[in-house]
Each structure stands twice: as C-alpha cells, then as structure tokens.
C-alpha cells in the first residue's frame, strides 16, 4: 500500500494519462495518478485496466476448471467434479461482477451516465 501512495504522489506532479499508448486515437487529459503495467494512467483508466485484467484472470481460471473437470469425469471422480462446479460458479460470478463494475466505470464519464 505504501508503495502505491508513493507512486501516486510522484505521478501527480504534472504527468498526464498515457491511455493513448494502449489504444490508438484515445486521448485523456486527466492527470496520471497510478502506474499500471508501466503506464501512467488516470484513476478511471487505471481502474478499467485492473478490471479488464481481473476478467482475463478469471477467464483463465475457468479454462483450467474445465480441463480439470473433464479429467475428473474421465477418472470417475464425482466428488471432484462437484467441487470444481462450485469453483466454476464462483469464477463465473466474479467475472459478472467485474463486468458490472467495468460498465459502471465506463458509463460514469459519459453524458448519459450517472
């Protein structure tokens, strides 16, 4: 946590959001407050990047859960399959929450957003 605060303080000295390094043509004039994957981003774009990263990670978890589930079914391990189904439900719910949060962040700065 202390490292994050130190990064934020040093970034507030006039550095601008570098979102245009990720997406051609995207411009953000907000002050950079956080460093994400080596890029200085404003709070909104940093949150978007973090949520998108979470979604990708949970997607990878689902991929592995599916692999392990197939193997557990092949080995006739119904208990393991049940446990993996619980984990699949948790991962799916986490992805849905992250998408909802991402939608809120993206709507927040639009004229029709809340």
N, C-alpha and C. Protein backbone atom coordinates (compact mmCIF):
# COMPACT_ATOMS: atom_id res chain seq x y z
N UNK A 1 0.82 -1.19 0.00
CA UNK A 1 0.00 0.00 0.00
C UNK A 1 0.87 1.25 0.00
N UNK A 2 1.91 1.30 0.82
CA UNK A 2 2.76 2.47 0.90
C UNK A 2 3.41 2.77 -0.43
N UNK A 3 3.78 1.74 -1.17
CA UNK A 3 4.40 1.93 -2.47
C UNK A 3 3.43 2.58 -3.43
N UNK A 4 2.17 2.17 -3.41
CA UNK A 4 1.15 2.74 -4.27
C UNK A 4 0.98 4.23 -4.00
N UNK A 5 0.94 4.62 -2.70
CA UNK A 5 0.79 6.02 -2.35
C UNK A 5 1.99 6.83 -2.84
N UNK A 6 3.16 6.27 -2.73
CA UNK A 6 4.35 6.97 -3.19
C UNK A 6 4.30 7.17 -4.70
N UNK A 7 3.86 6.16 -5.42
CA UNK A 7 3.74 6.29 -6.87
C UNK A 7 2.71 7.34 -7.22
N UNK A 8 1.58 7.35 -6.54
CA UNK A 8 0.54 8.34 -6.82
C UNK A 8 1.05 9.74 -6.61
N UNK A 9 1.76 9.97 -5.49
CA UNK A 9 2.25 11.30 -5.18
C UNK A 9 3.21 11.79 -6.26
N UNK A 10 4.13 10.94 -6.68
CA UNK A 10 5.11 11.36 -7.68
C UNK A 10 4.48 11.56 -9.05
N UNK A 11 3.39 10.86 -9.34
CA UNK A 11 2.74 10.99 -10.63
C UNK A 11 1.89 12.25 -10.72
N UNK A 12 1.49 12.80 -9.61
CA UNK A 12 0.62 13.97 -9.62
C UNK A 12 1.37 15.25 -9.94
N UNK A 13 2.62 15.19 -10.22
CA UNK A 13 3.42 16.38 -10.49
C UNK A 13 3.34 16.80 -11.95
N UNK A 14 2.22 16.60 -12.61
CA UNK A 14 2.03 17.10 -13.96
C UNK A 14 1.99 16.06 -15.05
N UNK A 15 2.23 14.81 -14.76
CA UNK A 15 2.19 13.77 -15.77
C UNK A 15 0.74 13.52 -16.18
N UNK A 16 0.51 13.30 -17.46
CA UNK A 16 -0.83 13.06 -17.98
C UNK A 16 -1.06 11.57 -18.24
N UNK A 17 -2.31 11.19 -18.27
CA UNK A 17 -2.72 9.80 -18.53
C UNK A 17 -2.18 9.35 -19.89
N UNK A 18 -1.60 8.18 -19.93
CA UNK A 18 -0.99 7.64 -21.16
C UNK A 18 -1.84 6.56 -21.80
N UNK A 19 -3.15 6.68 -21.69
CA UNK A 19 -4.04 5.67 -22.27
C UNK A 19 -3.85 5.56 -23.77
N UNK A 20 -3.40 6.63 -24.42
CA UNK A 20 -3.22 6.59 -25.87
C UNK A 20 -2.13 5.60 -26.28
N UNK A 21 -1.27 5.17 -25.33
CA UNK A 21 -0.28 4.15 -25.65
C UNK A 21 -0.92 2.78 -25.80
N UNK A 22 -2.10 2.61 -25.24
CA UNK A 22 -2.80 1.33 -25.35
C UNK A 22 -3.75 1.30 -26.54
N UNK A 23 -4.41 2.41 -26.78
CA UNK A 23 -5.43 2.46 -27.84
C UNK A 23 -5.14 3.64 -28.75
N UNK A 24 -4.95 3.37 -30.03
CA UNK A 24 -4.68 4.44 -30.98
C UNK A 24 -5.86 5.42 -31.00
N UNK A 25 -5.54 6.69 -30.92
CA UNK A 25 -6.56 7.72 -31.01
C UNK A 25 -7.23 8.07 -29.70
N UNK A 26 -7.10 7.24 -28.68
CA UNK A 26 -7.72 7.55 -27.39
C UNK A 26 -6.88 8.61 -26.70
N UNK A 27 -7.53 9.66 -26.25
CA UNK A 27 -6.83 10.74 -25.57
C UNK A 27 -7.50 11.01 -24.25
N UNK A 28 -6.71 11.19 -23.23
CA UNK A 28 -7.22 11.53 -21.91
C UNK A 28 -6.36 12.65 -21.36
N UNK A 29 -6.99 13.69 -20.92
CA UNK A 29 -6.27 14.86 -20.42
C UNK A 29 -6.17 14.88 -18.90
N UNK A 30 -6.63 13.82 -18.25
CA UNK A 30 -6.59 13.76 -16.80
C UNK A 30 -5.15 13.55 -16.32
N UNK A 31 -4.89 13.98 -15.12
CA UNK A 31 -3.57 13.77 -14.51
C UNK A 31 -3.39 12.29 -14.20
N UNK A 32 -2.20 11.78 -14.46
CA UNK A 32 -1.89 10.39 -14.14
C UNK A 32 -1.74 10.27 -12.63
N UNK A 33 -2.42 9.30 -12.05
CA UNK A 33 -2.38 9.10 -10.61
C UNK A 33 -1.83 7.74 -10.22
N UNK A 34 -1.84 6.78 -11.16
CA UNK A 34 -1.38 5.43 -10.84
C UNK A 34 -0.54 4.90 -11.99
N UNK A 35 0.30 3.96 -11.65
CA UNK A 35 1.12 3.28 -12.65
C UNK A 35 0.61 1.85 -12.77
N UNK A 36 0.17 1.47 -13.96
CA UNK A 36 -0.35 0.13 -14.21
C UNK A 36 0.41 -0.45 -15.39
N UNK A 37 1.06 -1.57 -15.17
CA UNK A 37 1.84 -2.24 -16.21
C UNK A 37 2.81 -1.28 -16.91
N UNK A 38 3.41 -0.41 -16.12
CA UNK A 38 4.41 0.51 -16.66
C UNK A 38 3.85 1.77 -17.28
N UNK A 39 2.55 1.92 -17.34
CA UNK A 39 1.94 3.12 -17.90
C UNK A 39 1.37 4.00 -16.81
N UNK A 40 1.53 5.29 -16.95
CA UNK A 40 0.96 6.25 -16.02
C UNK A 40 -0.46 6.54 -16.49
N UNK A 41 -1.45 6.18 -15.65
CA UNK A 41 -2.85 6.32 -16.02
C UNK A 41 -3.61 7.12 -14.99
N UNK A 42 -4.68 7.76 -15.46
CA UNK A 42 -5.58 8.45 -14.53
C UNK A 42 -6.35 7.38 -13.74
N UNK A 43 -7.03 7.81 -12.70
CA UNK A 43 -7.73 6.87 -11.83
C UNK A 43 -8.73 6.01 -12.61
N UNK A 44 -9.51 6.63 -13.49
CA UNK A 44 -10.54 5.90 -14.24
C UNK A 44 -9.91 4.84 -15.14
N UNK A 45 -8.90 5.22 -15.93
CA UNK A 45 -8.30 4.26 -16.86
C UNK A 45 -7.52 3.18 -16.11
N UNK A 46 -6.95 3.52 -14.96
CA UNK A 46 -6.26 2.51 -14.15
C UNK A 46 -7.27 1.48 -13.64
N UNK A 47 -8.43 1.95 -13.19
CA UNK A 47 -9.47 1.03 -12.72
C UNK A 47 -9.97 0.16 -13.85
N UNK A 48 -10.17 0.73 -15.03
CA UNK A 48 -10.58 -0.06 -16.19
C UNK A 48 -9.56 -1.15 -16.50
N UNK A 49 -8.29 -0.78 -16.52
CA UNK A 49 -7.23 -1.76 -16.83
C UNK A 49 -7.20 -2.87 -15.79
N UNK A 50 -7.36 -2.51 -14.53
CA UNK A 50 -7.34 -3.52 -13.47
C UNK A 50 -8.54 -4.46 -13.58
N UNK A 51 -9.72 -3.92 -13.86
CA UNK A 51 -10.91 -4.77 -14.00
C UNK A 51 -10.79 -5.68 -15.22
N UNK A 52 -10.28 -5.15 -16.32
CA UNK A 52 -10.08 -5.99 -17.50
C UNK A 52 -9.08 -7.10 -17.21
N UNK A 53 -8.05 -6.79 -16.43
CA UNK A 53 -7.08 -7.82 -16.04
C UNK A 53 -7.72 -8.90 -15.18
N UNK A 54 -8.59 -8.48 -14.25
CA UNK A 54 -9.29 -9.45 -13.41
C UNK A 54 -10.16 -10.37 -14.26
N UNK A 55 -10.85 -9.79 -15.23
CA UNK A 55 -11.72 -10.59 -16.10
C UNK A 55 -10.90 -11.63 -16.86
N UNK A 56 -9.75 -11.22 -17.37
CA UNK A 56 -8.87 -12.16 -18.08
C UNK A 56 -8.40 -13.27 -17.15
N UNK A 57 -8.01 -12.92 -15.94
CA UNK A 57 -7.54 -13.95 -14.99
C UNK A 57 -8.64 -14.94 -14.65
N UNK A 58 -9.84 -14.44 -14.37
CA UNK A 58 -10.95 -15.34 -14.06
C UNK A 58 -11.28 -16.22 -15.27
N UNK A 59 -11.16 -15.67 -16.47
CA UNK A 59 -11.38 -16.47 -17.67
C UNK A 59 -10.38 -17.61 -17.77
N UNK A 60 -9.14 -17.34 -17.43
CA UNK A 60 -8.12 -18.39 -17.43
C UNK A 60 -8.42 -19.45 -16.36
N UNK A 61 -8.91 -18.99 -15.21
CA UNK A 61 -9.30 -19.95 -14.16
C UNK A 61 -10.41 -20.87 -14.68
N UNK A 62 -11.40 -20.29 -15.38
CA UNK A 62 -12.49 -21.11 -15.94
C UNK A 62 -11.94 -22.13 -16.93
N UNK A 63 -10.99 -21.72 -17.74
CA UNK A 63 -10.37 -22.63 -18.69
C UNK A 63 -9.77 -23.84 -17.97
N UNK A 64 -9.02 -23.58 -16.89
CA UNK A 64 -8.39 -24.67 -16.15
C UNK A 64 -9.42 -25.50 -15.39
N UNK A 65 -10.45 -24.88 -14.87
CA UNK A 65 -11.51 -25.64 -14.20
C UNK A 65 -12.15 -26.61 -15.18
N UNK A 66 -12.39 -26.15 -16.41
CA UNK A 66 -12.96 -27.04 -17.42
C UNK A 66 -12.03 -28.21 -17.74
N UNK A 67 -10.73 -27.93 -17.85
CA UNK A 67 -9.77 -29.00 -18.09
C UNK A 67 -9.79 -30.02 -16.96
N UNK A 68 -9.73 -29.54 -15.73
CA UNK A 68 -9.70 -30.44 -14.58
C UNK A 68 -11.01 -31.20 -14.44
N UNK A 69 -12.12 -30.55 -14.78
CA UNK A 69 -13.42 -31.22 -14.71
C UNK A 69 -13.50 -32.39 -15.68
N UNK A 70 -13.02 -32.16 -16.89
CA UNK A 70 -13.02 -33.26 -17.88
C UNK A 70 -12.18 -34.43 -17.39
N UNK A 71 -11.03 -34.12 -16.82
CA UNK A 71 -10.16 -35.18 -16.31
C UNK A 71 -10.81 -35.90 -15.13
N UNK A 72 -11.46 -35.15 -14.26
CA UNK A 72 -12.14 -35.77 -13.11
C UNK A 72 -13.29 -36.66 -13.59
N UNK A 73 -14.02 -36.24 -14.60
CA UNK A 73 -15.10 -37.08 -15.14
C UNK A 73 -14.51 -38.34 -15.77
N UNK A 74 -13.41 -38.18 -16.50
CA UNK A 74 -12.76 -39.32 -17.15
C UNK A 74 -12.31 -40.34 -16.10
N UNK A 75 -11.84 -39.86 -14.95
CA UNK A 75 -11.38 -40.75 -13.90
C UNK A 75 -12.49 -41.17 -12.94
N UNK A 76 -13.72 -40.78 -13.29
CA UNK A 76 -14.89 -41.13 -12.48
C UNK A 76 -14.73 -40.66 -11.03
N UNK A 77 -14.50 -39.36 -10.88
CA UNK A 77 -14.33 -38.72 -9.57
C UNK A 77 -15.44 -37.69 -9.36
N UNK A 78 -16.67 -38.15 -9.08
CA UNK A 78 -17.81 -37.22 -8.98
C UNK A 78 -17.65 -36.16 -7.88
N UNK A 79 -16.99 -36.50 -6.81
CA UNK A 79 -16.77 -35.52 -5.74
C UNK A 79 -15.93 -34.34 -6.21
N UNK A 80 -14.89 -34.66 -6.97
CA UNK A 80 -14.02 -33.61 -7.52
C UNK A 80 -14.80 -32.78 -8.53
N UNK A 81 -15.60 -33.44 -9.35
CA UNK A 81 -16.41 -32.72 -10.34
C UNK A 81 -17.35 -31.74 -9.63
N UNK A 82 -17.98 -32.18 -8.54
CA UNK A 82 -18.88 -31.29 -7.78
C UNK A 82 -18.12 -30.08 -7.23
N UNK A 83 -16.96 -30.31 -6.66
CA UNK A 83 -16.16 -29.21 -6.14
C UNK A 83 -15.75 -28.23 -7.24
N UNK A 84 -15.38 -28.77 -8.38
CA UNK A 84 -15.00 -27.90 -9.49
C UNK A 84 -16.20 -27.12 -10.03
N UNK A 85 -17.38 -27.72 -9.97
CA UNK A 85 -18.59 -26.99 -10.38
C UNK A 85 -18.85 -25.81 -9.45
N UNK A 86 -18.58 -25.98 -8.17
CA UNK A 86 -18.72 -24.87 -7.21
C UNK A 86 -17.72 -23.77 -7.56
N UNK A 87 -16.49 -24.16 -7.85
CA UNK A 87 -15.47 -23.17 -8.22
C UNK A 87 -15.83 -22.47 -9.53
N UNK A 88 -16.41 -23.21 -10.47
CA UNK A 88 -16.84 -22.62 -11.74
C UNK A 88 -17.91 -21.56 -11.49
N UNK A 89 -18.84 -21.85 -10.60
CA UNK A 89 -19.89 -20.88 -10.27
C UNK A 89 -19.30 -19.63 -9.63
N UNK A 90 -18.33 -19.80 -8.74
CA UNK A 90 -17.67 -18.65 -8.10
C UNK A 90 -16.94 -17.79 -9.13
N UNK A 91 -16.21 -18.45 -10.02
CA UNK A 91 -15.45 -17.71 -11.04
C UNK A 91 -16.39 -16.98 -12.00
N UNK A 92 -17.48 -17.64 -12.37
CA UNK A 92 -18.45 -17.01 -13.26
C UNK A 92 -19.08 -15.80 -12.60
N UNK A 93 -19.41 -15.90 -11.32
CA UNK A 93 -19.97 -14.77 -10.59
C UNK A 93 -18.96 -13.63 -10.48
N UNK A 94 -17.70 -13.95 -10.27
CA UNK A 94 -16.67 -12.93 -10.17
C UNK A 94 -16.50 -12.19 -11.50
N UNK A 95 -16.57 -12.92 -12.60
CA UNK A 95 -16.49 -12.30 -13.92
C UNK A 95 -17.68 -11.36 -14.14
N UNK A 96 -18.86 -11.82 -13.77
CA UNK A 96 -20.06 -10.98 -13.93
C UNK A 96 -19.94 -9.70 -13.11
N UNK A 97 -19.46 -9.82 -11.86
CA UNK A 97 -19.28 -8.63 -11.02
C UNK A 97 -18.27 -7.67 -11.63
N UNK A 98 -17.18 -8.20 -12.14
CA UNK A 98 -16.14 -7.35 -12.74
C UNK A 98 -16.69 -6.64 -13.98
N UNK A 99 -17.48 -7.35 -14.80
CA UNK A 99 -18.10 -6.71 -15.96
C UNK A 99 -19.07 -5.61 -15.53
N UNK A 100 -19.84 -5.86 -14.48
CA UNK A 100 -20.76 -4.84 -13.98
C UNK A 100 -19.99 -3.61 -13.50
N UNK A 101 -18.92 -3.84 -12.75
CA UNK A 101 -18.10 -2.72 -12.27
C UNK A 101 -17.47 -1.96 -13.43
N UNK A 102 -17.01 -2.69 -14.43
CA UNK A 102 -16.41 -2.06 -15.61
C UNK A 102 -17.44 -1.22 -16.34
N UNK A 103 -18.66 -1.72 -16.44
CA UNK A 103 -19.73 -0.98 -17.09
C UNK A 103 -20.02 0.32 -16.34
N UNK A 104 -20.03 0.26 -15.02
CA UNK A 104 -20.26 1.46 -14.20
C UNK A 104 -19.15 2.48 -14.43
N UNK A 105 -17.90 2.02 -14.43
CA UNK A 105 -16.77 2.93 -14.64
C UNK A 105 -16.86 3.58 -16.01
N UNK A 106 -17.19 2.82 -17.02
CA UNK A 106 -17.26 3.37 -18.38
C UNK A 106 -18.45 4.31 -18.57
N UNK A 107 -19.56 4.04 -17.91
CA UNK A 107 -20.73 4.93 -18.02
C UNK A 107 -20.55 6.21 -17.24
N UNK A 108 -19.75 6.17 -16.20
CA UNK A 108 -19.60 7.29 -15.27
C UNK A 108 -19.20 8.57 -15.98
N UNK A 109 -18.37 8.49 -17.01
CA UNK A 109 -17.87 9.68 -17.68
C UNK A 109 -18.54 9.98 -19.01
N UNK A 110 -19.70 9.42 -19.23
CA UNK A 110 -20.44 9.73 -20.45
C UNK A 110 -21.55 10.72 -20.13
N UNK A 111 -22.02 11.50 -21.09
CA UNK A 111 -23.06 12.48 -20.83
C UNK A 111 -24.35 11.85 -20.30
N UNK A 112 -24.62 10.60 -20.69
CA UNK A 112 -25.86 9.97 -20.27
C UNK A 112 -25.65 9.08 -19.04
N UNK A 113 -24.42 9.01 -18.57
CA UNK A 113 -24.12 8.19 -17.39
C UNK A 113 -24.53 8.87 -16.10
N UNK A 114 -24.52 8.11 -15.05
CA UNK A 114 -24.93 8.65 -13.74
C UNK A 114 -23.85 9.49 -13.14
